[in-house]
């Protein structure tokens, strides 16, 4: 039996995966249970959510009672999505941030230059995407704050130095550190269907210094070692062409589309698109604006992609990147 989950449920689930504190997780899980249709098709999902809710409440209780200690970083979300850049020592993470944004991180030919997370905004075709550079990950050095930062990201760039013979082993170490904590790097993100506690992260392998003649061999060694294959992009960060392609791949990694809205009788604002999930509907767009609008929505008028200008469409109509939409209640 299909679950027939609503757009508002999926929004709550997305918010849960992005939650950075136990308190936020509890709130999102409670909302997911409230919004979920109750029938046989959701029995397994209900049980998984209730289990996660019990665990989140226990974690919240422990956090309240525990003494304050250790490092913690809380980076406010900005833009259409967050992509975290991770990798081993001296693989080129900071250089990627420097080339794709206006940030000026320390870039040096020796390892462990980055010691704390550094966020910056990348502009791509009218939207802003948040990129976060992180310290290098080695055996036993995955801090809880970094695990949480990666698990709540919308996408991950896993960076491998194409010029280093040590890079496959160093990158494998990064992958194993996360896998031991129920976090996997996969082509598409979401919770594991059989185990709600396992998070699959939409990821891309970025091979820096790709002009090295053995760079492709080094990246293939990673997959031959049993790593799930994810889309791979080789780059030379000094080349503007590669930088442009990498920006496009970051946008594609988020699996979103840009939609422009307009009021009746007025031109659309083509400078401020909204973003919704790929294959999202008119109803998803309404939810993005306000839940009350989604409840009262009757239909929409649509412009774009060869359709009849101003054609009337229903709330289940699937939108495409660049559509202009006028919502009617």
C-alpha atoms as a PDB file:
ATOM      1  CA  UNK A   1       0.000   0.000   0.000  1.00  0.00           C
ATOM      2  CA  UNK A   2       1.471   3.409  -0.972  1.00  0.00           C
ATOM      3  CA  UNK A   3       2.217   5.818   1.860  1.00  0.00           C
ATOM      4  CA  UNK A   4       0.646   8.850   0.105  1.00  0.00           C
ATOM      5  CA  UNK A   5       2.759  11.300   2.111  1.00  0.00           C
ATOM      6  CA  UNK A   6       1.956  14.985   1.701  1.00  0.00           C
ATOM      7  CA  UNK A   7       4.299  17.808   0.661  1.00  0.00           C
ATOM      8  CA  UNK A   8       4.068  19.200   4.205  1.00  0.00           C
ATOM      9  CA  UNK A   9       5.268  15.848   5.574  1.00  0.00           C
ATOM     10  CA  UNK A  10       8.227  15.851   3.191  1.00  0.00           C
ATOM     11  CA  UNK A  11       9.060  19.393   4.280  1.00  0.00           C
ATOM     12  CA  UNK A  12       9.068  18.263   7.932  1.00  0.00           C
ATOM     13  CA  UNK A  13      11.274  15.278   7.019  1.00  0.00           C
ATOM     14  CA  UNK A  14      13.703  17.576   5.187  1.00  0.00           C
ATOM     15  CA  UNK A  15      13.780  19.901   8.191  1.00  0.00           C
ATOM     16  CA  UNK A  16      14.503  16.913  10.438  1.00  0.00           C
ATOM     17  CA  UNK A  17      17.481  15.847   8.344  1.00  0.00           C
ATOM     18  CA  UNK A  18      18.773  19.413   8.539  1.00  0.00           C
ATOM     19  CA  UNK A  19      18.182  19.739  12.300  1.00  0.00           C
ATOM     20  CA  UNK A  20      21.403  20.551  14.139  1.00  0.00           C
ATOM     21  CA  UNK A  21      20.249  20.024  17.738  1.00  0.00           C
ATOM     22  CA  UNK A  22      18.345  17.305  19.591  1.00  0.00           C
ATOM     23  CA  UNK A  23      15.624  19.833  20.405  1.00  0.00           C
ATOM     24  CA  UNK A  24      15.099  20.623  16.713  1.00  0.00           C
ATOM     25  CA  UNK A  25      15.033  16.891  15.914  1.00  0.00           C
ATOM     26  CA  UNK A  26      12.321  16.254  18.510  1.00  0.00           C
ATOM     27  CA  UNK A  27      10.157  19.060  17.119  1.00  0.00           C
ATOM     28  CA  UNK A  28      10.509  17.813  13.525  1.00  0.00           C
ATOM     29  CA  UNK A  29       9.826  14.161  14.406  1.00  0.00           C
ATOM     30  CA  UNK A  30       6.703  15.117  16.325  1.00  0.00           C
ATOM     31  CA  UNK A  31       5.490  17.103  13.333  1.00  0.00           C
ATOM     32  CA  UNK A  32       6.234  14.192  10.978  1.00  0.00           C
ATOM     33  CA  UNK A  33       4.098  11.870  13.113  1.00  0.00           C
ATOM     34  CA  UNK A  34       1.309  14.429  13.176  1.00  0.00           C
ATOM     35  CA  UNK A  35       1.338  14.973   9.396  1.00  0.00           C
ATOM     36  CA  UNK A  36       1.691  11.308   8.409  1.00  0.00           C
ATOM     37  CA  UNK A  37      -1.421   9.466   7.161  1.00  0.00           C
ATOM     38  CA  UNK A  38      -2.232   6.581   9.514  1.00  0.00           C
ATOM     39  CA  UNK A  39      -2.753   3.331   7.583  1.00  0.00           C
ATOM     40  CA  UNK A  40      -0.990   0.020   6.899  1.00  0.00           C
ATOM     41  CA  UNK A  41       1.237   1.607   4.248  1.00  0.00           C
ATOM     42  CA  UNK A  42       2.930   3.778   6.882  1.00  0.00           C
ATOM     43  CA  UNK A  43       3.160   1.271   9.768  1.00  0.00           C
ATOM     44  CA  UNK A  44       6.880   0.616   9.258  1.00  0.00           C
ATOM     45  CA  UNK A  45       7.675   4.301   8.839  1.00  0.00           C
ATOM     46  CA  UNK A  46       5.666   5.203  11.951  1.00  0.00           C
ATOM     47  CA  UNK A  47       7.624   2.651  13.991  1.00  0.00           C
ATOM     48  CA  UNK A  48      10.941   4.024  12.693  1.00  0.00           C
ATOM     49  CA  UNK A  49       9.980   7.598  13.512  1.00  0.00           C
ATOM     50  CA  UNK A  50       8.798   6.683  17.004  1.00  0.00           C
ATOM     51  CA  UNK A  51      12.113   4.926  17.614  1.00  0.00           C
ATOM     52  CA  UNK A  52      14.062   7.980  16.414  1.00  0.00           C
ATOM     53  CA  UNK A  53      11.859  10.249  18.541  1.00  0.00           C
ATOM     54  CA  UNK A  54      12.623   8.205  21.641  1.00  0.00           C
ATOM     55  CA  UNK A  55      16.346   8.380  20.851  1.00  0.00           C
ATOM     56  CA  UNK A  56      16.205  12.147  20.183  1.00  0.00           C
ATOM     57  CA  UNK A  57      14.401  12.762  23.488  1.00  0.00           C
ATOM     58  CA  UNK A  58      17.058  10.731  25.301  1.00  0.00           C
ATOM     59  CA  UNK A  59      19.832  12.726  23.579  1.00  0.00           C
ATOM     60  CA  UNK A  60      18.093  15.975  24.520  1.00  0.00           C
ATOM     61  CA  UNK A  61      17.905  14.889  28.160  1.00  0.00           C
ATOM     62  CA  UNK A  62      21.605  13.998  28.155  1.00  0.00           C
ATOM     63  CA  UNK A  63      22.545  17.334  26.575  1.00  0.00           C
ATOM     64  CA  UNK A  64      20.581  19.259  29.189  1.00  0.00           C
ATOM     65  CA  UNK A  65      22.239  17.395  32.053  1.00  0.00           C
ATOM     66  CA  UNK A  66      25.749  17.132  30.582  1.00  0.00           C
ATOM     67  CA  UNK A  67      28.481  19.651  31.501  1.00  0.00           C
ATOM     68  CA  UNK A  68      29.494  22.009  28.706  1.00  0.00           C
ATOM     69  CA  UNK A  69      32.776  20.865  27.167  1.00  0.00           C
ATOM     70  CA  UNK A  70      34.548  20.400  23.841  1.00  0.00           C
ATOM     71  CA  UNK A  71      34.285  22.348  20.611  1.00  0.00           C
ATOM     72  CA  UNK A  72      30.962  23.169  18.985  1.00  0.00           C
ATOM     73  CA  UNK A  73      30.219  25.163  15.846  1.00  0.00           C
ATOM     74  CA  UNK A  74      26.767  26.332  14.825  1.00  0.00           C
ATOM     75  CA  UNK A  75      26.698  27.761  11.312  1.00  0.00           C
ATOM     76  CA  UNK A  76      23.405  29.441  10.307  1.00  0.00           C
ATOM     77  CA  UNK A  77      21.942  28.107   7.082  1.00  0.00           C
ATOM     78  CA  UNK A  78      21.854  30.494   4.164  1.00  0.00           C
ATOM     79  CA  UNK A  79      20.896  30.294   0.511  1.00  0.00           C
ATOM     80  CA  UNK A  80      19.189  27.550  -1.448  1.00  0.00           C
ATOM     81  CA  UNK A  81      21.168  24.736   0.172  1.00  0.00           C
ATOM     82  CA  UNK A  82      24.311  23.762   2.051  1.00  0.00           C
ATOM     83  CA  UNK A  83      27.178  21.747   0.585  1.00  0.00           C
ATOM     84  CA  UNK A  84      29.991  20.625   2.881  1.00  0.00           C
ATOM     85  CA  UNK A  85      33.485  20.059   1.489  1.00  0.00           C
ATOM     86  CA  UNK A  86      35.383  17.204   3.146  1.00  0.00           C
ATOM     87  CA  UNK A  87      38.526  15.178   2.549  1.00  0.00           C
ATOM     88  CA  UNK A  88      41.908  14.109   3.833  1.00  0.00           C
ATOM     89  CA  UNK A  89      44.925  16.348   4.459  1.00  0.00           C
ATOM     90  CA  UNK A  90      46.048  18.750   1.718  1.00  0.00           C
ATOM     91  CA  UNK A  91      43.570  17.489  -0.900  1.00  0.00           C
ATOM     92  CA  UNK A  92      42.474  20.930  -2.142  1.00  0.00           C
ATOM     93  CA  UNK A  93      39.308  21.628  -0.123  1.00  0.00           C
ATOM     94  CA  UNK A  94      40.203  25.209   0.742  1.00  0.00           C
ATOM     95  CA  UNK A  95      41.238  25.931  -2.832  1.00  0.00           C
ATOM     96  CA  UNK A  96      37.781  24.831  -3.998  1.00  0.00           C
ATOM     97  CA  UNK A  97      36.142  27.258  -1.567  1.00  0.00           C
ATOM     98  CA  UNK A  98      38.455  30.042  -2.702  1.00  0.00           C
ATOM     99  CA  UNK A  99      37.731  29.485  -6.409  1.00  0.00           C
ATOM    100  CA  UNK A 100      33.946  29.115  -6.091  1.00  0.00           C
ATOM    101  CA  UNK A 101      33.270  31.957  -3.643  1.00  0.00           C
ATOM    102  CA  UNK A 102      34.712  35.267  -2.511  1.00  0.00           C
ATOM    103  CA  UNK A 103      36.173  33.728   0.639  1.00  0.00           C
ATOM    104  CA  UNK A 104      39.892  33.948   1.320  1.00  0.00           C
ATOM    105  CA  UNK A 105      40.793  30.781   3.245  1.00  0.00           C
ATOM    106  CA  UNK A 106      44.398  29.941   4.032  1.00  0.00           C
ATOM    107  CA  UNK A 107      45.710  27.854   1.130  1.00  0.00           C
ATOM    108  CA  UNK A 108      49.133  26.293   1.629  1.00  0.00           C
ATOM    109  CA  UNK A 109      51.156  23.347   0.220  1.00  0.00           C
ATOM    110  CA  UNK A 110      51.245  21.666   3.632  1.00  0.00           C
ATOM    111  CA  UNK A 111      48.477  19.740   5.470  1.00  0.00           C
ATOM    112  CA  UNK A 112      46.168  20.825   8.321  1.00  0.00           C
ATOM    113  CA  UNK A 113      45.959  24.475   7.261  1.00  0.00           C
ATOM    114  CA  UNK A 114      42.189  24.466   7.930  1.00  0.00           C
ATOM    115  CA  UNK A 115      41.440  24.089  11.647  1.00  0.00           C
ATOM    116  CA  UNK A 116      37.765  25.101  11.862  1.00  0.00           C
ATOM    117  CA  UNK A 117      34.775  25.247   9.469  1.00  0.00           C
ATOM    118  CA  UNK A 118      34.622  28.200   7.096  1.00  0.00           C
ATOM    119  CA  UNK A 119      31.296  28.990   5.337  1.00  0.00           C
ATOM    120  CA  UNK A 120      30.985  31.119   2.199  1.00  0.00           C
ATOM    121  CA  UNK A 121      28.343  31.797  -0.441  1.00  0.00           C
ATOM    122  CA  UNK A 122      28.557  30.690  -4.072  1.00  0.00           C
ATOM    123  CA  UNK A 123      26.403  32.473  -6.654  1.00  0.00           C
ATOM    124  CA  UNK A 124      24.903  30.377  -9.439  1.00  0.00           C
ATOM    125  CA  UNK A 125      22.341  31.702 -11.942  1.00  0.00           C
ATOM    126  CA  UNK A 126      20.468  33.931  -9.529  1.00  0.00           C
ATOM    127  CA  UNK A 127      20.638  31.793  -6.390  1.00  0.00           C
ATOM    128  CA  UNK A 128      23.086  31.551  -3.529  1.00  0.00           C
ATOM    129  CA  UNK A 129      24.474  28.206  -2.328  1.00  0.00           C
ATOM    130  CA  UNK A 130      26.324  27.875   0.969  1.00  0.00           C
ATOM    131  CA  UNK A 131      29.646  26.006   0.837  1.00  0.00           C
ATOM    132  CA  UNK A 132      31.460  25.011   4.030  1.00  0.00           C
ATOM    133  CA  UNK A 133      35.161  24.132   4.110  1.00  0.00           C
ATOM    134  CA  UNK A 134      36.170  21.763   6.928  1.00  0.00           C
ATOM    135  CA  UNK A 135      39.340  20.528   8.659  1.00  0.00           C
ATOM    136  CA  UNK A 136      40.976  17.398   7.190  1.00  0.00           C
ATOM    137  CA  UNK A 137      39.738  14.061   8.495  1.00  0.00           C
ATOM    138  CA  UNK A 138      42.166  11.348   9.621  1.00  0.00           C
ATOM    139  CA  UNK A 139      41.801   8.111  11.601  1.00  0.00           C
ATOM    140  CA  UNK A 140      39.967   8.710  14.868  1.00  0.00           C
ATOM    141  CA  UNK A 141      39.714  12.477  14.309  1.00  0.00           C
ATOM    142  CA  UNK A 142      36.059  12.849  13.286  1.00  0.00           C
ATOM    143  CA  UNK A 143      34.694  15.284  15.849  1.00  0.00           C
ATOM    144  CA  UNK A 144      30.970  15.137  16.806  1.00  0.00           C
ATOM    145  CA  UNK A 145      30.362  18.679  15.527  1.00  0.00           C
ATOM    146  CA  UNK A 146      31.796  17.767  12.122  1.00  0.00           C
ATOM    147  CA  UNK A 147      29.726  14.580  11.909  1.00  0.00           C
ATOM    148  CA  UNK A 148      26.609  16.604  12.667  1.00  0.00           C
ATOM    149  CA  UNK A 149      27.552  19.292  10.130  1.00  0.00           C
ATOM    150  CA  UNK A 150      27.956  16.713   7.359  1.00  0.00           C
ATOM    151  CA  UNK A 151      24.867  14.642   8.259  1.00  0.00           C
ATOM    152  CA  UNK A 152      22.644  17.730   8.124  1.00  0.00           C
ATOM    153  CA  UNK A 153      24.065  19.018   4.814  1.00  0.00           C
ATOM    154  CA  UNK A 154      22.120  18.978   1.552  1.00  0.00           C
ATOM    155  CA  UNK A 155      25.142  17.675  -0.333  1.00  0.00           C
ATOM    156  CA  UNK A 156      28.801  16.741   0.061  1.00  0.00           C
ATOM    157  CA  UNK A 157      31.896  17.292  -2.059  1.00  0.00           C
ATOM    158  CA  UNK A 158      34.339  14.495  -1.201  1.00  0.00           C
ATOM    159  CA  UNK A 159      37.748  15.695  -2.381  1.00  0.00           C
ATOM    160  CA  UNK A 160      40.610  13.458  -3.544  1.00  0.00           C
ATOM    161  CA  UNK A 161      44.064  14.728  -4.549  1.00  0.00           C
ATOM    162  CA  UNK A 162      44.629  13.285  -8.014  1.00  0.00           C
ATOM    163  CA  UNK A 163      48.389  13.823  -7.784  1.00  0.00           C
ATOM    164  CA  UNK A 164      49.013  11.873  -4.564  1.00  0.00           C
ATOM    165  CA  UNK A 165      49.619   8.134  -4.253  1.00  0.00           C
ATOM    166  CA  UNK A 166      48.360   8.383  -0.657  1.00  0.00           C
ATOM    167  CA  UNK A 167      45.037   9.942  -1.698  1.00  0.00           C
ATOM    168  CA  UNK A 168      42.991   6.715  -2.195  1.00  0.00           C
ATOM    169  CA  UNK A 169      43.872   5.438   1.287  1.00  0.00           C
ATOM    170  CA  UNK A 170      43.329   8.865   2.864  1.00  0.00           C
ATOM    171  CA  UNK A 171      39.946   9.224   1.184  1.00  0.00           C
ATOM    172  CA  UNK A 172      38.992   5.687   2.175  1.00  0.00           C
ATOM    173  CA  UNK A 173      39.765   6.643   5.778  1.00  0.00           C
ATOM    174  CA  UNK A 174      37.323   9.549   5.507  1.00  0.00           C
ATOM    175  CA  UNK A 175      34.608   7.262   4.129  1.00  0.00           C
ATOM    176  CA  UNK A 176      35.126   4.614   6.828  1.00  0.00           C
ATOM    177  CA  UNK A 177      35.046   7.184   9.626  1.00  0.00           C
ATOM    178  CA  UNK A 178      31.578   8.257   8.488  1.00  0.00           C
ATOM    179  CA  UNK A 179      30.307   4.764   7.678  1.00  0.00           C
ATOM    180  CA  UNK A 180      31.141   3.657  11.227  1.00  0.00           C
ATOM    181  CA  UNK A 181      28.732   6.374  12.350  1.00  0.00           C
ATOM    182  CA  UNK A 182      25.865   5.342  10.044  1.00  0.00           C
ATOM    183  CA  UNK A 183      26.592   7.935   7.382  1.00  0.00           C
ATOM    184  CA  UNK A 184      27.086   6.947   3.744  1.00  0.00           C
ATOM    185  CA  UNK A 185      28.155   8.865   0.646  1.00  0.00           C
ATOM    186  CA  UNK A 186      25.828   7.983  -2.225  1.00  0.00           C
ATOM    187  CA  UNK A 187      24.636   9.464  -5.511  1.00  0.00           C
ATOM    188  CA  UNK A 188      21.309  10.565  -4.029  1.00  0.00           C
ATOM    189  CA  UNK A 189      20.468  11.469  -0.450  1.00  0.00           C
ATOM    190  CA  UNK A 190      17.806  10.430   2.043  1.00  0.00           C
ATOM    191  CA  UNK A 191      17.251   7.953   4.824  1.00  0.00           C
ATOM    192  CA  UNK A 192      18.022   4.279   4.259  1.00  0.00           C
ATOM    193  CA  UNK A 193      14.765   2.476   3.452  1.00  0.00           C
ATOM    194  CA  UNK A 194      15.535  -0.419   5.803  1.00  0.00           C
ATOM    195  CA  UNK A 195      17.168   1.530   8.648  1.00  0.00           C
ATOM    196  CA  UNK A 196      15.936   5.018   9.442  1.00  0.00           C
ATOM    197  CA  UNK A 197      19.049   5.714  11.535  1.00  0.00           C
ATOM    198  CA  UNK A 198      21.348   5.501   8.476  1.00  0.00           C
ATOM    199  CA  UNK A 199      21.717   8.717   6.494  1.00  0.00           C
ATOM    200  CA  UNK A 200      22.637   8.597   2.801  1.00  0.00           C
ATOM    201  CA  UNK A 201      24.258  11.835   1.676  1.00  0.00           C
ATOM    202  CA  UNK A 202      24.039  13.083  -1.905  1.00  0.00           C
ATOM    203  CA  UNK A 203      27.723  13.267  -2.810  1.00  0.00           C
ATOM    204  CA  UNK A 204      30.167  13.931  -5.623  1.00  0.00           C
ATOM    205  CA  UNK A 205      33.831  12.917  -5.753  1.00  0.00           C
ATOM    206  CA  UNK A 206      35.963  15.879  -6.836  1.00  0.00           C
ATOM    207  CA  UNK A 207      39.427  14.905  -8.049  1.00  0.00           C
ATOM    208  CA  UNK A 208      41.763  17.897  -7.818  1.00  0.00           C
ATOM    209  CA  UNK A 209      45.001  18.250  -9.804  1.00  0.00           C
ATOM    210  CA  UNK A 210      43.314  16.153 -12.475  1.00  0.00           C
ATOM    211  CA  UNK A 211      46.001  16.917 -15.085  1.00  0.00           C
ATOM    212  CA  UNK A 212      48.264  14.400 -13.330  1.00  0.00           C
ATOM    213  CA  UNK A 213      48.473  11.437 -15.679  1.00  0.00           C
ATOM    214  CA  UNK A 214      47.575   8.954 -12.913  1.00  0.00           C
ATOM    215  CA  UNK A 215      44.697  10.916 -11.368  1.00  0.00           C
ATOM    216  CA  UNK A 216      42.003   8.728 -12.926  1.00  0.00           C
ATOM    217  CA  UNK A 217      43.785   5.565 -11.795  1.00  0.00           C
ATOM    218  CA  UNK A 218      43.887   6.876  -8.207  1.00  0.00           C
ATOM    219  CA  UNK A 219      40.169   7.660  -8.173  1.00  0.00           C
ATOM    220  CA  UNK A 220      39.338   4.215  -9.611  1.00  0.00           C
ATOM    221  CA  UNK A 221      41.367   2.567  -6.840  1.00  0.00           C
ATOM    222  CA  UNK A 222      38.903   4.076  -4.393  1.00  0.00           C
ATOM    223  CA  UNK A 223      35.919   2.416  -6.055  1.00  0.00           C
ATOM    224  CA  UNK A 224      37.767  -0.873  -6.503  1.00  0.00           C
ATOM    225  CA  UNK A 225      38.218  -0.936  -2.731  1.00  0.00           C
ATOM    226  CA  UNK A 226      34.460  -1.351  -2.338  1.00  0.00           C
ATOM    227  CA  UNK A 227      33.261   2.247  -2.092  1.00  0.00           C
ATOM    228  CA  UNK A 228      29.817   2.966  -3.557  1.00  0.00           C
ATOM    229  CA  UNK A 229      30.376   4.643  -6.901  1.00  0.00           C
ATOM    230  CA  UNK A 230      29.296   8.276  -7.021  1.00  0.00           C
ATOM    231  CA  UNK A 231      29.568  10.776  -9.907  1.00  0.00           C
ATOM    232  CA  UNK A 232      33.166  11.971 -10.272  1.00  0.00           C
ATOM    233  CA  UNK A 233      34.550  15.219 -11.621  1.00  0.00           C
ATOM    234  CA  UNK A 234      38.226  15.876 -12.293  1.00  0.00           C
ATOM    235  CA  UNK A 235      39.228  19.532 -12.008  1.00  0.00           C
ATOM    236  CA  UNK A 236      42.168  21.856 -12.395  1.00  0.00           C
ATOM    237  CA  UNK A 237      41.184  24.759 -10.165  1.00  0.00           C
ATOM    238  CA  UNK A 238      43.337  27.279 -11.983  1.00  0.00           C
ATOM    239  CA  UNK A 239      41.216  26.792 -15.127  1.00  0.00           C
ATOM    240  CA  UNK A 240      38.013  28.902 -15.273  1.00  0.00           C
ATOM    241  CA  UNK A 241      36.296  26.292 -17.445  1.00  0.00           C
ATOM    242  CA  UNK A 242      36.653  23.658 -14.719  1.00  0.00           C
ATOM    243  CA  UNK A 243      35.455  26.131 -12.089  1.00  0.00           C
ATOM    244  CA  UNK A 244      32.290  26.834 -14.094  1.00  0.00           C
ATOM    245  CA  UNK A 245      31.553  23.131 -14.476  1.00  0.00           C
ATOM    246  CA  UNK A 246      32.102  22.556 -10.753  1.00  0.00           C
ATOM    247  CA  UNK A 247      29.594  25.311  -9.930  1.00  0.00           C
ATOM    248  CA  UNK A 248      27.049  23.623 -12.189  1.00  0.00           C
ATOM    249  CA  UNK A 249      27.691  20.264 -10.505  1.00  0.00           C
ATOM    250  CA  UNK A 250      27.099  21.857  -7.089  1.00  0.00           C
ATOM    251  CA  UNK A 251      23.710  23.105  -8.264  1.00  0.00           C
ATOM    252  CA  UNK A 252      22.822  19.698  -9.716  1.00  0.00           C
ATOM    253  CA  UNK A 253      23.916  18.018  -6.475  1.00  0.00           C
ATOM    254  CA  UNK A 254      21.177  19.861  -4.568  1.00  0.00           C
ATOM    255  CA  UNK A 255      18.542  18.350  -6.920  1.00  0.00           C
ATOM    256  CA  UNK A 256      16.507  21.561  -6.991  1.00  0.00           C
ATOM    257  CA  UNK A 257      14.887  23.805  -9.585  1.00  0.00           C
ATOM    258  CA  UNK A 258      14.443  27.590  -9.704  1.00  0.00           C
ATOM    259  CA  UNK A 259      10.901  28.923  -9.922  1.00  0.00           C
ATOM    260  CA  UNK A 260       9.875  32.556 -10.356  1.00  0.00           C
ATOM    261  CA  UNK A 261       6.617  33.894  -8.935  1.00  0.00           C
ATOM    262  CA  UNK A 262       4.411  36.791  -9.932  1.00  0.00           C
ATOM    263  CA  UNK A 263       1.324  38.610  -8.680  1.00  0.00           C
ATOM    264  CA  UNK A 264      -1.729  39.028 -10.946  1.00  0.00           C
ATOM    265  CA  UNK A 265      -1.270  41.888 -13.380  1.00  0.00           C
ATOM    266  CA  UNK A 266       2.371  42.412 -12.452  1.00  0.00           C
ATOM    267  CA  UNK A 267       5.617  41.224 -14.055  1.00  0.00           C
ATOM    268  CA  UNK A 268       7.575  38.451 -12.350  1.00  0.00           C
ATOM    269  CA  UNK A 269      10.627  39.211 -10.255  1.00  0.00           C
ATOM    270  CA  UNK A 270      13.310  37.447 -12.301  1.00  0.00           C
ATOM    271  CA  UNK A 271      16.033  38.425  -9.830  1.00  0.00           C
ATOM    272  CA  UNK A 272      14.719  36.438  -6.858  1.00  0.00           C
ATOM    273  CA  UNK A 273      13.789  32.832  -7.740  1.00  0.00           C
ATOM    274  CA  UNK A 274      12.462  30.387  -5.168  1.00  0.00           C
ATOM    275  CA  UNK A 275      13.855  26.856  -5.126  1.00  0.00           C
ATOM    276  CA  UNK A 276      11.986  23.585  -4.706  1.00  0.00           C
ATOM    277  CA  UNK A 277      12.947  19.944  -5.161  1.00  0.00           C
ATOM    278  CA  UNK A 278      13.390  18.571  -8.683  1.00  0.00           C
ATOM    279  CA  UNK A 279      10.011  17.296  -9.936  1.00  0.00           C
ATOM    280  CA  UNK A 280       8.315  19.473  -7.317  1.00  0.00           C
ATOM    281  CA  UNK A 281       4.702  20.512  -7.842  1.00  0.00           C
ATOM    282  CA  UNK A 282       2.703  23.717  -7.647  1.00  0.00           C
ATOM    283  CA  UNK A 283       1.654  22.594  -4.166  1.00  0.00           C
ATOM    284  CA  UNK A 284       5.310  22.181  -3.150  1.00  0.00           C
ATOM    285  CA  UNK A 285       5.918  25.760  -4.248  1.00  0.00           C
ATOM    286  CA  UNK A 286       2.967  26.951  -2.176  1.00  0.00           C
ATOM    287  CA  UNK A 287       4.288  25.064   0.879  1.00  0.00           C
ATOM    288  CA  UNK A 288       7.655  26.748   0.370  1.00  0.00           C
ATOM    289  CA  UNK A 289       5.957  30.159   0.591  1.00  0.00           C
ATOM    290  CA  UNK A 290       3.553  29.397   3.453  1.00  0.00           C
ATOM    291  CA  UNK A 291       1.594  26.378   4.685  1.00  0.00           C
ATOM    292  CA  UNK A 292      -1.653  28.361   4.808  1.00  0.00           C
ATOM    293  CA  UNK A 293      -1.246  29.191   1.124  1.00  0.00           C
ATOM    294  CA  UNK A 294      -0.868  25.486   0.350  1.00  0.00           C
ATOM    295  CA  UNK A 295      -4.143  24.723   2.162  1.00  0.00           C
ATOM    296  CA  UNK A 296      -6.180  27.367   0.320  1.00  0.00           C
ATOM    297  CA  UNK A 297      -4.547  26.978  -3.099  1.00  0.00           C
ATOM    298  CA  UNK A 298      -7.044  26.456  -5.941  1.00  0.00           C
ATOM    299  CA  UNK A 299      -4.911  26.603  -9.078  1.00  0.00           C
ATOM    300  CA  UNK A 300      -1.992  28.391 -10.699  1.00  0.00           C
ATOM    301  CA  UNK A 301      -1.177  30.075 -13.990  1.00  0.00           C
ATOM    302  CA  UNK A 302       2.053  29.070 -15.694  1.00  0.00           C
ATOM    303  CA  UNK A 303       4.521  30.610 -18.136  1.00  0.00           C
ATOM    304  CA  UNK A 304       7.555  28.852 -19.607  1.00  0.00           C
ATOM    305  CA  UNK A 305       9.023  25.956 -21.645  1.00  0.00           C
ATOM    306  CA  UNK A 306       6.768  26.295 -24.663  1.00  0.00           C
ATOM    307  CA  UNK A 307       3.532  25.987 -22.691  1.00  0.00           C
ATOM    308  CA  UNK A 308       0.683  28.334 -23.472  1.00  0.00           C
ATOM    309  CA  UNK A 309       1.414  31.577 -21.664  1.00  0.00           C
ATOM    310  CA  UNK A 310      -0.825  31.878 -18.639  1.00  0.00           C
ATOM    311  CA  UNK A 311      -2.226  28.351 -18.872  1.00  0.00           C
ATOM    312  CA  UNK A 312      -4.136  27.177 -15.791  1.00  0.00           C
ATOM    313  CA  UNK A 313      -2.637  24.193 -13.965  1.00  0.00           C
ATOM    314  CA  UNK A 314      -3.604  22.278 -10.827  1.00  0.00           C
ATOM    315  CA  UNK A 315      -1.736  21.852  -7.573  1.00  0.00           C
ATOM    316  CA  UNK A 316      -0.259  18.511  -8.710  1.00  0.00           C
ATOM    317  CA  UNK A 317       1.353  19.971 -11.835  1.00  0.00           C
ATOM    318  CA  UNK A 318       5.108  19.284 -11.884  1.00  0.00           C
ATOM    319  CA  UNK A 319       7.189  22.399 -12.387  1.00  0.00           C
ATOM    320  CA  UNK A 320      10.424  22.758 -14.338  1.00  0.00           C
ATOM    321  CA  UNK A 321      13.495  24.893 -13.835  1.00  0.00           C
ATOM    322  CA  UNK A 322      12.797  28.477 -14.882  1.00  0.00           C
ATOM    323  CA  UNK A 323       8.986  28.322 -14.777  1.00  0.00           C
ATOM    324  CA  UNK A 324       7.056  31.474 -13.859  1.00  0.00           C
ATOM    325  CA  UNK A 325       4.059  30.772 -11.604  1.00  0.00           C
ATOM    326  CA  UNK A 326       1.112  32.842 -10.429  1.00  0.00           C
ATOM    327  CA  UNK A 327      -0.709  31.230  -7.485  1.00  0.00           C
ATOM    328  CA  UNK A 328      -4.462  31.641  -6.964  1.00  0.00           C
ATOM    329  CA  UNK A 329      -6.440  30.866  -3.788  1.00  0.00           C
END
